[in-house]
């Protein structure tokens, strides 16, 4: 047996048995021990008091700062950083994270940034209305039919489905505030002198994302002592309708040939083939650990979806307990499943996929050249033919859309 003396440099507290010491030494030792005990007791009480004061002050600071102490999984510059081995493989449901590149981010020597265009997806959100109904149904059936859970699954016994529908989560709002702040810092030389021209597609979560980006940009600017700009906040925001009959380069449901074609079939067929390969062992394991659940293949995917959605529903982005029910390899398989749907349903894997980005590309060219858009695409010429709603003399443009438009324009 390895003794504590061998493990640690300090000594153990002396034992009470001192029979081997001379009588005078024992008396002196007992007197010294009482003194040391009294001093130790006072010292311990002082430490306890200081400890409680530290906890109390820390708690007050946590409350005063809106619990913004760096416990969040989201970093303003690098994005989501908790368990990247799985969280970066949740398909379109992954929170924003920075991707490493061999291309240096610094501006080359002798050059300067004179123009910036950002096209961003909305922040992390609740499931869509259709999906949240399906997820809730799966959970309700599990809870009504499963009597005994394996240890890792027992949390489901008391789990209550509480996800909303379609809107940004608090975590998603903060993602966009962080984006505005980091954008300002990255393009500081330009951003401190010029205000961005901001547009958003008309869905609530996209509009809210644009507003939160502007908030982060504004906060960074007013704290920048070197900024000479007169910051008139809130910044103007142009919202482009997603209603029927309204052209919108930040929304994909405009091209009737695309929407009424076979995009859904191609994407779903690609996913179906992959589901038949990777889902069966996962489904079997889930049903074994939750006897009576009887999950189908599609419900198995829905059950996996709960991991990212529950994660971003947490204000700090704490990784959900659902996530540990699956292996790293299974999350990579899940990521590939989601990529198949986007690539063959909306991207280059579908013949008309790239056409969805033509309108925005033409707008970008117009901004770069200072010449108006002349085309017959998804461009809204009522807006783009006006200097007020489509100015060509700005240095910074920020547009907010959905993942489908970002994917076809990237």
Protein backbone atom coordinates (compact mmCIF):
# COMPACT_ATOMS: atom_id res chain seq x y z
CA UNK A 1 0.00 0.00 0.00
CA UNK A 2 1.30 3.44 -0.92
CA UNK A 3 1.18 5.74 2.10
CA UNK A 4 0.11 9.36 2.03
CA UNK A 5 3.62 10.39 3.10
CA UNK A 6 4.90 9.06 -0.23
CA UNK A 7 2.19 10.74 -2.24
CA UNK A 8 2.43 14.26 -0.86
CA UNK A 9 5.26 16.59 0.15
CA UNK A 10 3.51 17.84 3.30
CA UNK A 11 3.14 15.83 6.50
CA UNK A 12 0.05 14.26 8.03
CA UNK A 13 -1.55 15.83 11.11
CA UNK A 14 0.30 14.32 14.17
CA UNK A 15 -1.46 11.43 15.88
CA UNK A 16 -2.75 11.76 19.46
CA UNK A 17 -0.58 8.89 20.68
CA UNK A 18 2.55 10.47 22.16
CA UNK A 19 3.48 7.77 24.72
CA UNK A 20 6.94 7.39 23.25
CA UNK A 21 7.84 10.99 24.19
CA UNK A 22 9.41 12.03 27.51
CA UNK A 23 6.99 13.45 30.16
CA UNK A 24 8.33 17.01 29.93
CA UNK A 25 8.07 16.88 26.15
CA UNK A 26 4.53 15.57 26.41
CA UNK A 27 3.47 18.48 28.66
CA UNK A 28 5.16 21.00 26.41
CA UNK A 29 3.68 19.26 23.36
CA UNK A 30 0.17 19.33 24.84
CA UNK A 31 0.47 23.03 25.66
CA UNK A 32 1.77 23.75 22.15
CA UNK A 33 -0.98 21.66 20.65
CA UNK A 34 -3.67 23.69 22.48
CA UNK A 35 -2.10 26.92 21.18
CA UNK A 36 -1.82 25.52 17.66
CA UNK A 37 -5.38 24.17 17.85
CA UNK A 38 -6.71 27.58 18.94
CA UNK A 39 -4.76 29.33 16.18
CA UNK A 40 -5.87 26.72 13.65
CA UNK A 41 -9.51 27.12 14.71
CA UNK A 42 -9.33 30.89 14.35
CA UNK A 43 -7.62 30.51 11.01
CA UNK A 44 -10.28 28.03 9.83
CA UNK A 45 -13.13 30.32 10.89
CA UNK A 46 -11.45 33.22 9.10
CA UNK A 47 -11.09 31.11 5.95
CA UNK A 48 -14.74 30.07 6.11
CA UNK A 49 -15.86 33.69 6.51
CA UNK A 50 -13.64 34.82 3.62
CA UNK A 51 -14.92 31.92 1.55
CA UNK A 52 -18.55 32.86 2.12
CA UNK A 53 -17.80 36.50 1.34
CA UNK A 54 -16.08 35.46 -1.89
CA UNK A 55 -19.05 33.31 -2.92
CA UNK A 56 -21.50 36.07 -2.03
CA UNK A 57 -19.59 38.75 -3.92
CA UNK A 58 -19.11 36.38 -6.85
CA UNK A 59 -22.85 35.69 -6.91
CA UNK A 60 -23.62 39.42 -6.80
CA UNK A 61 -21.21 40.00 -9.67
CA UNK A 62 -22.84 37.15 -11.61
CA UNK A 63 -26.27 38.77 -11.14
CA UNK A 64 -25.02 42.28 -11.92
CA UNK A 65 -23.39 41.19 -15.19
CA UNK A 66 -26.33 39.10 -16.36
CA UNK A 67 -24.44 35.88 -15.62
CA UNK A 68 -22.00 36.73 -18.40
CA UNK A 69 -18.95 35.32 -16.64
CA UNK A 70 -17.08 33.24 -19.19
CA UNK A 71 -18.95 30.03 -18.43
CA UNK A 72 -20.71 30.09 -21.78
CA UNK A 73 -19.78 27.62 -24.48
CA UNK A 74 -19.92 30.46 -27.00
CA UNK A 75 -16.82 32.56 -27.61
CA UNK A 76 -17.33 35.98 -29.25
CA UNK A 77 -14.49 35.37 -31.72
CA UNK A 78 -14.30 31.62 -32.25
CA UNK A 79 -17.94 30.68 -31.78
CA UNK A 80 -19.11 27.45 -30.13
CA UNK A 81 -16.24 25.65 -28.41
CA UNK A 82 -17.75 22.95 -26.14
CA UNK A 83 -17.20 19.35 -27.23
CA UNK A 84 -16.24 20.28 -30.81
CA UNK A 85 -15.71 16.61 -31.62
CA UNK A 86 -19.50 16.28 -31.71
CA UNK A 87 -20.99 19.81 -31.65
CA UNK A 88 -19.38 20.70 -34.96
CA UNK A 89 -21.17 17.76 -36.55
CA UNK A 90 -24.82 18.64 -36.03
CA UNK A 91 -25.39 19.76 -39.62
CA UNK A 92 -27.27 23.04 -39.98
CA UNK A 93 -28.21 22.82 -36.31
CA UNK A 94 -24.65 23.35 -35.09
CA UNK A 95 -24.13 26.73 -33.39
CA UNK A 96 -21.77 29.04 -35.28
CA UNK A 97 -18.09 28.08 -34.98
CA UNK A 98 -14.96 29.38 -36.66
CA UNK A 99 -13.35 27.07 -39.20
CA UNK A 100 -9.57 26.90 -39.36
CA UNK A 101 -7.96 27.87 -42.65
CA UNK A 102 -4.51 27.86 -44.23
CA UNK A 103 -5.27 31.31 -45.64
CA UNK A 104 -4.12 34.02 -43.18
CA UNK A 105 -6.92 36.22 -41.84
CA UNK A 106 -4.64 39.26 -41.69
CA UNK A 107 -4.78 41.88 -44.42
CA UNK A 108 -1.60 41.59 -46.56
CA UNK A 109 1.05 44.23 -46.00
CA UNK A 110 0.50 47.29 -48.16
CA UNK A 111 -3.23 46.59 -48.53
CA UNK A 112 -6.31 47.94 -46.78
CA UNK A 113 -9.95 46.90 -46.59
CA UNK A 114 -12.20 49.34 -48.47
CA UNK A 115 -15.39 47.28 -48.78
CA UNK A 116 -17.09 44.62 -46.65
CA UNK A 117 -20.16 42.49 -47.38
CA UNK A 118 -21.47 39.98 -44.86
CA UNK A 119 -24.21 37.47 -45.66
CA UNK A 120 -25.29 35.69 -42.48
CA UNK A 121 -27.79 33.08 -41.43
CA UNK A 122 -30.05 33.82 -38.49
CA UNK A 123 -28.90 32.71 -35.03
CA UNK A 124 -29.63 29.43 -33.27
CA UNK A 125 -33.36 28.81 -32.99
CA UNK A 126 -36.15 26.59 -31.76
CA UNK A 127 -37.35 23.84 -34.11
CA UNK A 128 -39.81 24.76 -36.84
CA UNK A 129 -43.49 24.53 -35.89
CA UNK A 130 -43.90 21.24 -37.79
CA UNK A 131 -40.82 19.68 -36.23
CA UNK A 132 -41.58 20.76 -32.66
CA UNK A 133 -44.94 18.92 -32.89
CA UNK A 134 -43.16 15.75 -34.05
CA UNK A 135 -40.47 15.98 -31.36
CA UNK A 136 -43.04 16.46 -28.62
CA UNK A 137 -45.04 13.48 -29.90
CA UNK A 138 -41.96 11.24 -29.75
CA UNK A 139 -41.21 12.29 -26.18
CA UNK A 140 -44.81 11.85 -25.04
CA UNK A 141 -44.97 8.35 -26.50
CA UNK A 142 -41.68 7.36 -24.88
CA UNK A 143 -42.87 8.57 -21.50
CA UNK A 144 -46.22 6.82 -21.81
CA UNK A 145 -44.87 3.49 -23.09
CA UNK A 146 -41.47 3.04 -21.47
CA UNK A 147 -41.56 1.70 -17.92
CA UNK A 148 -37.88 0.98 -17.32
CA UNK A 149 -34.94 3.02 -18.64
CA UNK A 150 -31.28 2.09 -18.82
CA UNK A 151 -29.08 4.29 -16.56
CA UNK A 152 -28.02 6.80 -19.26
CA UNK A 153 -31.64 7.26 -20.32
CA UNK A 154 -33.29 7.59 -16.93
CA UNK A 155 -33.32 11.41 -17.14
CA UNK A 156 -36.11 11.05 -19.70
CA UNK A 157 -38.45 9.89 -16.98
CA UNK A 158 -38.68 13.44 -15.63
CA UNK A 159 -37.86 15.29 -18.86
CA UNK A 160 -40.49 17.79 -20.00
CA UNK A 161 -40.47 18.96 -23.62
CA UNK A 162 -40.46 22.76 -23.57
CA UNK A 163 -38.97 23.86 -26.90
CA UNK A 164 -40.86 26.55 -28.77
CA UNK A 165 -41.17 27.03 -32.51
CA UNK A 166 -39.34 29.09 -35.15
CA UNK A 167 -37.96 31.85 -32.91
CA UNK A 168 -34.39 32.61 -31.87
CA UNK A 169 -33.30 31.21 -28.54
CA UNK A 170 -31.59 33.51 -26.03
CA UNK A 171 -28.36 31.76 -26.98
CA UNK A 172 -29.07 32.49 -30.65
CA UNK A 173 -29.66 36.17 -29.91
CA UNK A 174 -26.29 36.39 -28.18
CA UNK A 175 -24.60 34.67 -31.13
CA UNK A 176 -25.58 37.60 -33.35
CA UNK A 177 -24.58 40.20 -30.77
CA UNK A 178 -21.19 38.47 -30.68
CA UNK A 179 -21.06 38.49 -34.49
CA UNK A 180 -21.66 42.24 -34.57
CA UNK A 181 -18.93 42.82 -31.99
CA UNK A 182 -16.34 40.59 -33.67
CA UNK A 183 -17.22 42.04 -37.09
CA UNK A 184 -16.53 45.54 -35.78
CA UNK A 185 -13.23 44.47 -34.26
CA UNK A 186 -12.08 42.62 -37.36
CA UNK A 187 -12.82 45.49 -39.73
CA UNK A 188 -12.12 48.21 -37.21
CA UNK A 189 -10.45 50.68 -39.57
CA UNK A 190 -13.54 50.74 -41.75
CA UNK A 191 -16.22 50.05 -39.14
CA UNK A 192 -15.32 52.93 -36.82
CA UNK A 193 -15.92 55.41 -39.64
CA UNK A 194 -18.87 53.89 -41.50
CA UNK A 195 -22.25 52.48 -40.43
CA UNK A 196 -23.41 49.26 -42.13
CA UNK A 197 -26.41 49.21 -44.46
CA UNK A 198 -28.49 46.36 -43.04
CA UNK A 199 -31.15 44.21 -44.73
CA UNK A 200 -33.08 41.17 -43.51
CA UNK A 201 -35.49 38.69 -45.03
CA UNK A 202 -38.94 39.08 -43.49
CA UNK A 203 -39.18 36.14 -41.08
CA UNK A 204 -39.10 37.16 -37.41
CA UNK A 205 -35.96 35.24 -36.47
CA UNK A 206 -34.06 36.74 -39.40
CA UNK A 207 -35.13 40.29 -38.53
CA UNK A 208 -34.21 39.71 -34.88
CA UNK A 209 -30.80 38.44 -35.97
CA UNK A 210 -30.12 41.62 -37.93
CA UNK A 211 -31.16 43.71 -34.92
CA UNK A 212 -28.89 41.78 -32.57
CA UNK A 213 -25.96 42.09 -34.99
CA UNK A 214 -26.52 45.85 -35.06
CA UNK A 215 -26.60 45.92 -31.27
CA UNK A 216 -23.24 44.16 -31.02
CA UNK A 217 -21.71 46.43 -33.67
CA UNK A 218 -23.05 49.50 -31.85
CA UNK A 219 -21.74 48.37 -28.47
CA UNK A 220 -18.28 47.79 -29.91
CA UNK A 221 -18.27 51.20 -31.59
CA UNK A 222 -19.31 53.29 -28.58
CA UNK A 223 -16.62 51.62 -26.45
CA UNK A 224 -13.98 52.32 -29.11
CA UNK A 225 -12.32 55.58 -28.04
CA UNK A 226 -10.73 55.98 -31.48
CA UNK A 227 -14.06 56.00 -33.34
CA UNK A 228 -14.93 59.48 -34.64
CA UNK A 229 -18.30 58.37 -35.98
CA UNK A 230 -21.54 59.91 -34.75
CA UNK A 231 -23.31 56.69 -33.90
CA UNK A 232 -27.04 57.09 -34.62
CA UNK A 233 -28.48 53.95 -33.14
CA UNK A 234 -30.68 52.02 -33.84
CA UNK A 235 -29.43 51.70 -37.40
CA UNK A 236 -31.98 51.69 -40.24
CA UNK A 237 -33.07 48.15 -41.13
CA UNK A 238 -34.64 47.26 -44.47
CA UNK A 239 -36.93 44.23 -44.13
CA UNK A 240 -37.78 42.45 -47.39
CA UNK A 241 -41.12 40.62 -47.39
CA UNK A 242 -41.25 36.85 -47.79
CA UNK A 243 -44.88 37.05 -48.87
CA UNK A 244 -46.22 35.59 -52.11
CA UNK A 245 -45.46 37.71 -55.14
CA UNK A 246 -42.59 39.60 -53.50
CA UNK A 247 -39.14 39.22 -55.04
CA UNK A 248 -36.49 38.69 -52.39
CA UNK A 249 -32.84 37.78 -52.96
CA UNK A 250 -32.56 36.68 -49.31
CA UNK A 251 -35.34 34.09 -49.56
CA UNK A 252 -35.40 30.95 -51.70
CA UNK A 253 -39.12 30.30 -52.33
CA UNK A 254 -39.45 32.41 -55.47
CA UNK A 255 -38.41 30.34 -58.48
CA UNK A 256 -41.49 28.25 -59.33
CA UNK A 257 -39.48 25.85 -61.49
CA UNK A 258 -37.24 25.20 -58.51
CA UNK A 259 -39.99 24.92 -55.91
CA UNK A 260 -42.29 22.79 -58.04
CA UNK A 261 -39.54 20.60 -59.42
CA UNK A 262 -37.99 17.47 -57.98
CA UNK A 263 -35.64 19.11 -55.47
CA UNK A 264 -37.38 17.46 -52.55
CA UNK A 265 -37.29 14.05 -54.18
CA UNK A 266 -33.57 14.22 -54.97
CA UNK A 267 -32.61 15.39 -51.49
CA UNK A 268 -34.91 12.97 -49.68
CA UNK A 269 -33.81 10.03 -51.81
CA UNK A 270 -30.15 10.74 -51.07
CA UNK A 271 -30.93 10.91 -47.35
CA UNK A 272 -33.08 7.77 -47.47
CA UNK A 273 -30.22 5.66 -48.83
CA UNK A 274 -27.91 6.89 -46.09
CA UNK A 275 -30.55 6.37 -43.36
CA UNK A 276 -30.81 2.71 -44.34
CA UNK A 277 -27.07 2.37 -43.69
CA UNK A 278 -26.42 4.31 -40.49
CA UNK A 279 -29.70 4.41 -38.54
CA UNK A 280 -30.53 0.69 -37.88
CA UNK A 281 -27.88 0.06 -35.18
CA UNK A 282 -28.71 3.36 -33.45
CA UNK A 283 -32.42 2.63 -33.57
CA UNK A 284 -31.90 -0.87 -32.16
CA UNK A 285 -29.81 0.47 -29.28
CA UNK A 286 -32.34 3.17 -28.39
CA UNK A 287 -35.23 0.71 -28.38
CA UNK A 288 -33.21 -1.74 -26.29
CA UNK A 289 -32.42 0.91 -23.67
CA UNK A 290 -35.98 2.22 -23.69
CA UNK A 291 -38.13 -0.94 -23.97
CA UNK A 292 -41.51 -0.06 -25.39
CA UNK A 293 -40.38 3.11 -27.20
CA UNK A 294 -40.56 1.40 -30.61
CA UNK A 295 -38.87 4.29 -32.41
CA UNK A 296 -38.99 4.28 -36.20
CA UNK A 297 -36.05 5.29 -38.40
CA UNK A 298 -37.36 8.86 -38.84
CA UNK A 299 -38.11 9.12 -35.12
CA UNK A 300 -34.54 8.07 -34.40
CA UNK A 301 -33.36 11.09 -36.40
CA UNK A 302 -35.83 13.28 -34.50
CA UNK A 303 -34.46 11.94 -31.23
CA UNK A 304 -30.93 12.91 -32.34
CA UNK A 305 -32.19 16.37 -33.36
CA UNK A 306 -33.09 17.03 -29.73
CA UNK A 307 -29.39 17.17 -28.84
CA UNK A 308 -28.57 20.39 -30.74
CA UNK A 309 -31.97 21.99 -30.12
CA UNK A 310 -31.83 21.37 -26.37
CA UNK A 311 -28.23 22.65 -26.34
CA UNK A 312 -29.02 26.01 -27.94
CA UNK A 313 -32.15 26.32 -25.79
CA UNK A 314 -29.80 26.66 -22.82
CA UNK A 315 -28.75 30.28 -22.30
CA UNK A 316 -25.09 29.34 -21.96
CA UNK A 317 -25.22 26.63 -24.61
CA UNK A 318 -24.59 23.79 -22.16
CA UNK A 319 -24.35 20.51 -24.07
CA UNK A 320 -27.61 18.59 -23.67
CA UNK A 321 -27.86 15.21 -21.99
CA UNK A 322 -29.33 13.88 -25.24
CA UNK A 323 -25.94 14.31 -26.91
CA UNK A 324 -24.13 11.71 -24.79
CA UNK A 325 -26.56 9.02 -25.95
CA UNK A 326 -24.69 8.88 -29.27
CA UNK A 327 -21.05 8.27 -30.21
CA UNK A 328 -18.70 10.60 -32.01
CA UNK A 329 -18.90 8.44 -35.14
CA UNK A 330 -22.69 8.54 -35.03
CA UNK A 331 -22.64 12.34 -34.94
CA UNK A 332 -20.40 12.37 -38.00
CA UNK A 333 -22.94 10.12 -39.72
CA UNK A 334 -25.74 12.45 -38.64
CA UNK A 335 -23.82 15.42 -40.06
CA UNK A 336 -23.45 13.66 -43.40
CA UNK A 337 -27.19 12.93 -43.41
CA UNK A 338 -27.98 16.64 -43.00
CA UNK A 339 -25.40 17.63 -45.64
CA UNK A 340 -27.00 15.28 -48.17
CA UNK A 341 -30.35 17.02 -47.69
CA UNK A 342 -28.89 20.49 -48.24
CA UNK A 343 -26.58 19.58 -51.11
CA UNK A 344 -29.08 17.57 -53.15
CA UNK A 345 -32.15 19.50 -52.06
CA UNK A 346 -30.92 23.09 -52.45
CA UNK A 347 -27.27 23.18 -53.53
CA UNK A 348 -25.14 22.05 -56.44
CA UNK A 349 -26.51 18.52 -56.23
CA UNK A 350 -29.81 19.79 -57.64
CA UNK A 351 -29.71 21.12 -61.24
CA UNK A 352 -31.48 24.39 -60.39
CA UNK A 353 -29.79 24.79 -56.99
CA UNK A 354 -27.14 27.35 -58.00
CA UNK A 355 -29.77 29.57 -59.65
CA UNK A 356 -31.09 30.47 -56.20
CA UNK A 357 -28.04 32.65 -55.58
CA UNK A 358 -27.98 34.56 -58.88
CA UNK A 359 -30.04 37.50 -57.64
CA UNK A 360 -27.89 38.14 -54.58
CA UNK A 361 -24.71 37.70 -56.64
CA UNK A 362 -25.91 40.37 -59.04
CA UNK A 363 -26.59 42.68 -56.10
CA UNK A 364 -23.08 42.09 -54.79
CA UNK A 365 -21.59 42.91 -58.20
CA UNK A 366 -23.66 46.10 -58.30
CA UNK A 367 -22.33 47.15 -54.91
CA UNK A 368 -18.75 46.41 -55.91
CA UNK A 369 -18.96 48.27 -59.22
CA UNK A 370 -21.34 51.04 -58.19
CA UNK A 371 -23.63 50.20 -61.12
CA UNK A 372 -27.37 49.33 -60.80
CA UNK A 373 -28.70 45.80 -61.15
CA UNK A 374 -30.14 44.94 -64.57
CA UNK A 375 -31.60 41.43 -64.57
CA UNK A 376 -34.77 39.35 -64.41
CA UNK A 377 -34.04 37.16 -61.41
CA UNK A 378 -35.20 37.22 -57.77
CA UNK A 379 -34.08 40.85 -57.42
CA UNK A 380 -36.79 43.18 -56.11
CA UNK A 381 -36.41 46.09 -58.52
CA UNK A 382 -38.91 48.22 -56.64
CA UNK A 383 -36.29 48.31 -53.89
CA UNK A 384 -33.07 47.95 -55.88
CA UNK A 385 -33.87 50.76 -58.31
CA UNK A 386 -33.97 53.26 -55.44
CA UNK A 387 -30.90 54.83 -53.84
CA UNK A 388 -32.72 54.88 -50.51
CA UNK A 389 -33.39 51.14 -50.36
CA UNK A 390 -30.40 49.95 -52.39
CA UNK A 391 -27.57 52.47 -52.04
CA UNK A 392 -24.38 51.83 -54.01
CA UNK A 393 -22.06 54.18 -52.12
CA UNK A 394 -21.74 52.36 -48.79
CA UNK A 395 -18.56 50.74 -47.50
CA UNK A 396 -20.24 48.09 -45.30
CA UNK A 397 -23.26 45.94 -46.13
CA UNK A 398 -24.83 43.32 -43.86
CA UNK A 399 -27.56 40.99 -45.13
CA UNK A 400 -29.41 38.34 -43.10
CA UNK A 401 -31.07 35.27 -44.52
CA UNK A 402 -31.63 31.50 -44.05
CA UNK A 403 -29.19 28.60 -44.25
CA UNK A 404 -30.43 27.58 -47.70
CA UNK A 405 -29.54 30.96 -49.28
CA UNK A 406 -26.21 31.11 -47.48
CA UNK A 407 -25.31 27.62 -48.71
CA UNK A 408 -25.99 28.36 -52.38
CA UNK A 409 -24.12 31.68 -52.22
CA UNK A 410 -21.04 30.48 -50.36
